[in-house]
C-alpha atoms as a PDB file:
ATOM      1  CA  MET A   1      -2.286-206.167 -20.779  1.00  0.00           C
ATOM      2  CA  ALA A   2      -5.091-203.942 -19.746  1.00  0.00           C
ATOM      3  CA  HIS A   3      -5.503-200.783 -21.663  1.00  0.00           C
ATOM      4  CA  TRP A   4      -7.657-197.657 -22.309  1.00  0.00           C
ATOM      5  CA  GLU A   5      -9.119-197.272 -25.833  1.00  0.00           C
ATOM      6  CA  ILE A   6      -9.867-193.588 -26.357  1.00  0.00           C
ATOM      7  CA  ARG A   7     -11.759-192.615 -29.445  1.00  0.00           C
ATOM      8  CA  ILE A   8     -12.146-188.938 -30.626  1.00  0.00           C
ATOM      9  CA  PRO A   9     -14.578-188.133 -33.258  1.00  0.00           C
ATOM     10  CA  THR A  10     -13.228-186.239 -36.312  1.00  0.00           C
ATOM     11  CA  VAL A  11     -14.767-184.341 -39.129  1.00  0.00           C
ATOM     12  CA  THR A  12     -13.243-183.475 -42.574  1.00  0.00           C
ATOM     13  CA  ALA A  13     -13.437-180.279 -44.608  1.00  0.00           C
ATOM     14  CA  ASP A  14     -16.147-181.923 -46.723  1.00  0.00           C
ATOM     15  CA  GLN A  15     -18.175-182.921 -43.492  1.00  0.00           C
ATOM     16  CA  ARG A  16     -17.216-186.678 -43.459  1.00  0.00           C
ATOM     17  CA  ASP A  17     -17.228-188.100 -39.958  1.00  0.00           C
ATOM     18  CA  GLY A  18     -14.470-190.304 -38.683  1.00  0.00           C
ATOM     19  CA  VAL A  19     -12.646-191.238 -35.524  1.00  0.00           C
ATOM     20  CA  GLN A  20      -9.137-191.177 -34.328  1.00  0.00           C
ATOM     21  CA  VAL A  21      -8.277-194.033 -31.785  1.00  0.00           C
ATOM     22  CA  PHE A  22      -5.513-193.720 -29.150  1.00  0.00           C
ATOM     23  CA  THR A  23      -4.582-196.700 -26.832  1.00  0.00           C
ATOM     24  CA  TYR A  24      -2.695-196.220 -23.524  1.00  0.00           C
ATOM     25  CA  SER A  25      -1.248-199.006 -21.258  1.00  0.00           C
ATOM     26  CA  ALA A  26      -3.245-199.151 -17.855  1.00  0.00           C
ATOM     27  CA  GLU A  27       0.289-199.604 -16.302  1.00  0.00           C
ATOM     28  CA  ARG A  28       1.402-196.247 -17.247  1.00  0.00           C
ATOM     29  CA  TYR A  29      -2.063-194.613 -17.057  1.00  0.00           C
ATOM     30  CA  PRO A  30      -3.865-196.368 -14.229  1.00  0.00           C
ATOM     31  CA  LEU A  31      -6.759-193.799 -13.919  1.00  0.00           C
ATOM     32  CA  GLN A  32      -9.084-193.088 -16.916  1.00  0.00           C
ATOM     33  CA  LEU A  33      -8.604-189.338 -16.170  1.00  0.00           C
ATOM     34  CA  LEU A  34      -5.007-189.620 -16.969  1.00  0.00           C
ATOM     35  CA  ALA A  35      -5.398-191.459 -20.114  1.00  0.00           C
ATOM     36  CA  LYS A  36      -8.041-188.801 -21.281  1.00  0.00           C
ATOM     37  CA  ARG A  37      -5.773-185.892 -20.471  1.00  0.00           C
ATOM     38  CA  GLN A  38      -2.966-187.589 -22.585  1.00  0.00           C
ATOM     39  CA  ALA A  39      -5.302-188.250 -25.421  1.00  0.00           C
ATOM     40  CA  ARG A  40      -6.344-184.605 -25.432  1.00  0.00           C
ATOM     41  CA  ALA A  41      -2.658-183.638 -25.636  1.00  0.00           C
ATOM     42  CA  ASP A  42      -1.817-186.277 -28.366  1.00  0.00           C
ATOM     43  CA  VAL A  43      -4.819-185.284 -30.557  1.00  0.00           C
ATOM     44  CA  ALA A  44      -3.263-181.793 -31.039  1.00  0.00           C
ATOM     45  CA  SER A  45       0.230-183.172 -32.114  1.00  0.00           C
ATOM     46  CA  ALA A  46       1.584-182.590 -35.512  1.00  0.00           C
ATOM     47  CA  ASP A  47       1.613-186.432 -35.953  1.00  0.00           C
ATOM     48  CA  ALA A  48      -2.071-186.972 -35.109  1.00  0.00           C
ATOM     49  CA  ILE A  49      -3.027-184.084 -37.250  1.00  0.00           C
ATOM     50  CA  ARG A  50      -1.176-185.704 -40.072  1.00  0.00           C
ATOM     51  CA  HIS A  51      -2.538-189.197 -39.413  1.00  0.00           C
ATOM     52  CA  ARG A  52      -6.099-187.873 -39.817  1.00  0.00           C
ATOM     53  CA  ARG A  53      -5.248-185.836 -42.945  1.00  0.00           C
ATOM     54  CA  GLY A  54      -6.011-182.431 -41.335  1.00  0.00           C
ATOM     55  CA  ALA A  55      -9.597-183.496 -40.182  1.00  0.00           C
ATOM     56  CA  THR A  56     -10.776-181.427 -37.175  1.00  0.00           C
ATOM     57  CA  ALA A  57     -10.932-183.394 -33.950  1.00  0.00           C
ATOM     58  CA  LYS A  58     -13.723-183.090 -31.387  1.00  0.00           C
ATOM     59  CA  PRO A  59     -11.935-183.753 -28.096  1.00  0.00           C
ATOM     60  CA  ASP A  60     -15.082-182.711 -26.009  1.00  0.00           C
ATOM     61  CA  ALA A  61     -16.832-185.963 -27.443  1.00  0.00           C
ATOM     62  CA  ILE A  62     -14.315-188.433 -26.258  1.00  0.00           C
ATOM     63  CA  SER A  63     -15.415-192.010 -25.619  1.00  0.00           C
ATOM     64  CA  VAL A  64     -13.459-194.318 -23.338  1.00  0.00           C
ATOM     65  CA  VAL A  65     -13.304-198.169 -23.348  1.00  0.00           C
ATOM     66  CA  TRP A  66     -11.461-200.313 -20.835  1.00  0.00           C
ATOM     67  CA  HIS A  67     -10.015-203.513 -22.128  1.00  0.00           C
ATOM     68  CA  GLU A  68      -8.595-206.170 -19.734  1.00  0.00           C
ATOM     69  CA  THR A  69      -6.365-207.566 -22.322  1.00  0.00           C
ATOM     70  CA  TYR A  70      -5.253-207.124 -25.952  1.00  0.00           C
ATOM     71  CA  GLU A  71      -7.493-209.359 -28.069  1.00  0.00           C
ATOM     72  CA  PHE A  72      -6.129-210.448 -31.593  1.00  0.00           C
END
């Protein structure tokens, strides 16, 4: 299944860099713009903040990769 992989850089309180990754089905989000909008909304959610242990997200530095299929 085709999907978008969206990576949002993060930085911890002690200045360690990281990344939070979101994946969205191309069937539900056929346009990159729609997937990016959803990632920006999701990165601000309580679950996402908890998952990254309170690190600050940098949603203006989003990177997007298109995948034709899931590869395991």
